[in-house]
Protein backbone atom coordinates (compact mmCIF):
# COMPACT_ATOMS: atom_id res chain seq x y z
CA MET A 1 -96.31 -35.81 -8.94
CA ARG A 2 -97.22 -35.61 -5.28
CA GLY A 3 -97.17 -33.00 -2.57
CA ASP A 4 -99.30 -31.70 0.27
CA PHE A 5 -100.89 -28.75 -1.52
CA ASP A 6 -103.84 -28.40 0.89
CA GLY A 7 -101.98 -28.72 4.21
CA ASP A 8 -103.83 -31.76 5.56
CA GLY A 9 -100.65 -33.82 6.01
CA LYS A 10 -101.52 -36.18 3.14
CA ASN A 11 -100.17 -36.33 -0.41
CA ASP A 12 -102.30 -34.76 -3.11
CA LEU A 13 -102.08 -35.82 -6.74
CA ALA A 14 -100.81 -33.13 -9.13
CA VAL A 15 -100.19 -33.02 -12.87
CA PHE A 16 -98.35 -30.25 -14.72
CA HIS A 17 -99.36 -29.80 -18.38
CA ASP A 18 -96.29 -28.36 -20.08
CA ALA A 19 -98.01 -27.05 -23.22
CA SER A 20 -100.55 -24.96 -21.30
CA GLY A 21 -98.69 -24.30 -18.05
CA LEU A 22 -101.69 -25.60 -16.13
CA TRP A 23 -101.45 -27.54 -12.88
CA PHE A 24 -104.26 -29.96 -12.04
CA ILE A 25 -104.30 -30.74 -8.32
CA LYS A 26 -106.67 -33.21 -6.66
CA TYR A 27 -106.87 -32.35 -2.97
CA SER A 28 -106.94 -35.30 -0.59
CA SER A 29 -108.95 -33.33 1.98
CA THR A 30 -111.97 -32.68 -0.27
CA GLY A 31 -111.48 -34.63 -3.50
CA ALA A 32 -111.89 -31.35 -5.39
CA VAL A 33 -109.67 -30.66 -8.40
CA ALA A 34 -108.06 -27.23 -8.79
CA THR A 35 -106.73 -25.92 -12.10
CA ILE A 36 -104.00 -23.32 -11.70
CA GLY A 37 -101.96 -21.62 -14.42
CA TYR A 38 -98.28 -21.40 -13.46
CA GLY A 39 -95.48 -22.03 -15.94
CA GLY A 40 -95.66 -23.00 -19.60
CA THR A 41 -93.82 -24.66 -22.45
CA GLY A 42 -90.18 -25.20 -21.57
CA TYR A 43 -90.70 -24.83 -17.80
CA LEU A 44 -89.92 -27.76 -15.51
CA PRO A 45 -92.19 -28.34 -12.48
CA VAL A 46 -90.27 -28.40 -9.16
CA PRO A 47 -92.94 -28.25 -6.43
CA GLU A 48 -91.81 -28.39 -2.82
CA ASN A 49 -92.37 -26.65 0.51
CA TYR A 50 -90.16 -23.63 -0.25
CA ASP A 51 -91.69 -21.21 2.26
CA GLY A 52 -91.57 -23.51 5.31
CA ASP A 53 -95.32 -23.55 6.03
CA GLY A 54 -95.71 -27.33 5.63
CA MET A 55 -97.61 -27.06 2.33
CA THR A 56 -96.20 -27.77 -1.12
CA ASP A 57 -95.68 -24.63 -3.20
CA LEU A 58 -96.05 -24.46 -6.97
CA ALA A 59 -92.66 -23.85 -8.56
CA VAL A 60 -91.13 -24.02 -12.02
CA TYR A 61 -87.64 -23.75 -13.44
CA HIS A 62 -86.93 -22.31 -16.90
CA PRO A 63 -83.61 -23.83 -18.13
CA PRO A 64 -82.98 -21.45 -21.07
CA THR A 65 -83.02 -18.38 -18.79
CA GLY A 66 -81.97 -20.04 -15.52
CA LEU A 67 -84.96 -18.51 -13.73
CA TRP A 68 -86.80 -20.16 -10.84
CA PHE A 69 -90.37 -19.10 -9.99
CA VAL A 70 -91.98 -20.07 -6.68
CA ARG A 71 -95.60 -19.31 -5.79
CA SER A 72 -95.88 -19.21 -2.02
CA SER A 73 -98.75 -21.07 -0.38
CA LEU A 74 -98.46 -18.57 2.50
CA ASN A 75 -99.69 -15.56 0.55
CA GLY A 76 -99.92 -16.54 -3.15
CA GLY A 77 -97.06 -14.21 -4.05
CA THR A 78 -94.44 -15.18 -6.61
CA THR A 79 -90.72 -15.03 -5.95
CA SER A 80 -88.18 -15.45 -8.72
CA GLU A 81 -84.43 -15.89 -8.71
CA LEU A 82 -81.85 -16.17 -11.44
CA GLY A 83 -79.33 -18.99 -11.41
CA ARG A 84 -78.64 -22.22 -13.19
CA ARG A 85 -79.23 -24.30 -10.12
CA THR A 86 -79.87 -27.87 -9.18
CA HIS A 87 -82.37 -29.44 -6.88
CA PRO A 88 -80.75 -32.62 -5.53
CA HIS A 89 -83.87 -34.70 -6.09
CA ARG A 90 -85.55 -33.46 -9.26
CA GLY A 91 -83.98 -30.32 -10.69
CA PRO A 92 -81.82 -29.79 -13.77
CA GLY A 93 -78.04 -29.40 -13.81
CA SER A 94 -75.22 -31.14 -12.02
CA PRO A 95 -75.18 -32.26 -8.37
CA GLY A 96 -72.41 -29.81 -7.45
CA GLN A 97 -74.51 -26.71 -8.06
CA ARG A 98 -76.67 -24.92 -5.51
CA GLY A 99 -80.34 -25.73 -5.01
CA PRO A 100 -83.39 -23.71 -6.07
CA PRO A 101 -84.53 -20.64 -4.16
CA ARG A 102 -86.67 -20.64 -1.10
CA VAL A 103 -89.23 -17.94 -0.59
CA SER A 104 -87.40 -15.26 1.35
CA LEU A 105 -87.92 -15.62 5.08
CA GLY A 106 -85.87 -13.14 7.07
CA GLY A 107 -83.71 -12.26 4.06
CA CYS A 108 -82.38 -15.81 3.67
CA TRP A 109 -82.73 -18.06 0.62
CA SER A 110 -82.43 -21.81 0.74
CA ALA A 111 -83.88 -24.65 -1.28
CA SER A 112 -85.48 -26.65 1.48
CA ARG A 113 -84.76 -27.89 4.96
CA ARG A 114 -82.04 -30.05 3.40
CA HIS A 115 -80.11 -26.96 2.34
CA THR A 116 -78.50 -24.09 4.20
CA CYS A 117 -78.68 -20.41 3.35
CA ARG A 118 -75.74 -19.07 1.35
């Protein structure tokens, strides 16, 4: 999968290894590869810029529990939210459901700039 994990405005290559929960990210700015544990067996990777800082955040969805986990690139903190939700481009569920959480900014949750707070 792709995303701008290092904030240089270019796509970085990322692989999520389901069995271990490890993310392998090759940064376009340096060519370095980072290995980050976030998720695990049964979690679906749903990386996107959830916190609005222009960088792709690590995120996973756990279908059996309906939990979303987002690791903010702003501060490294994790936010979680319960809800069987759908991301219109790559998440589980049906298109009529709401999107995944956005890291809370001013008390408002939304999936991305394509979604509005509810």
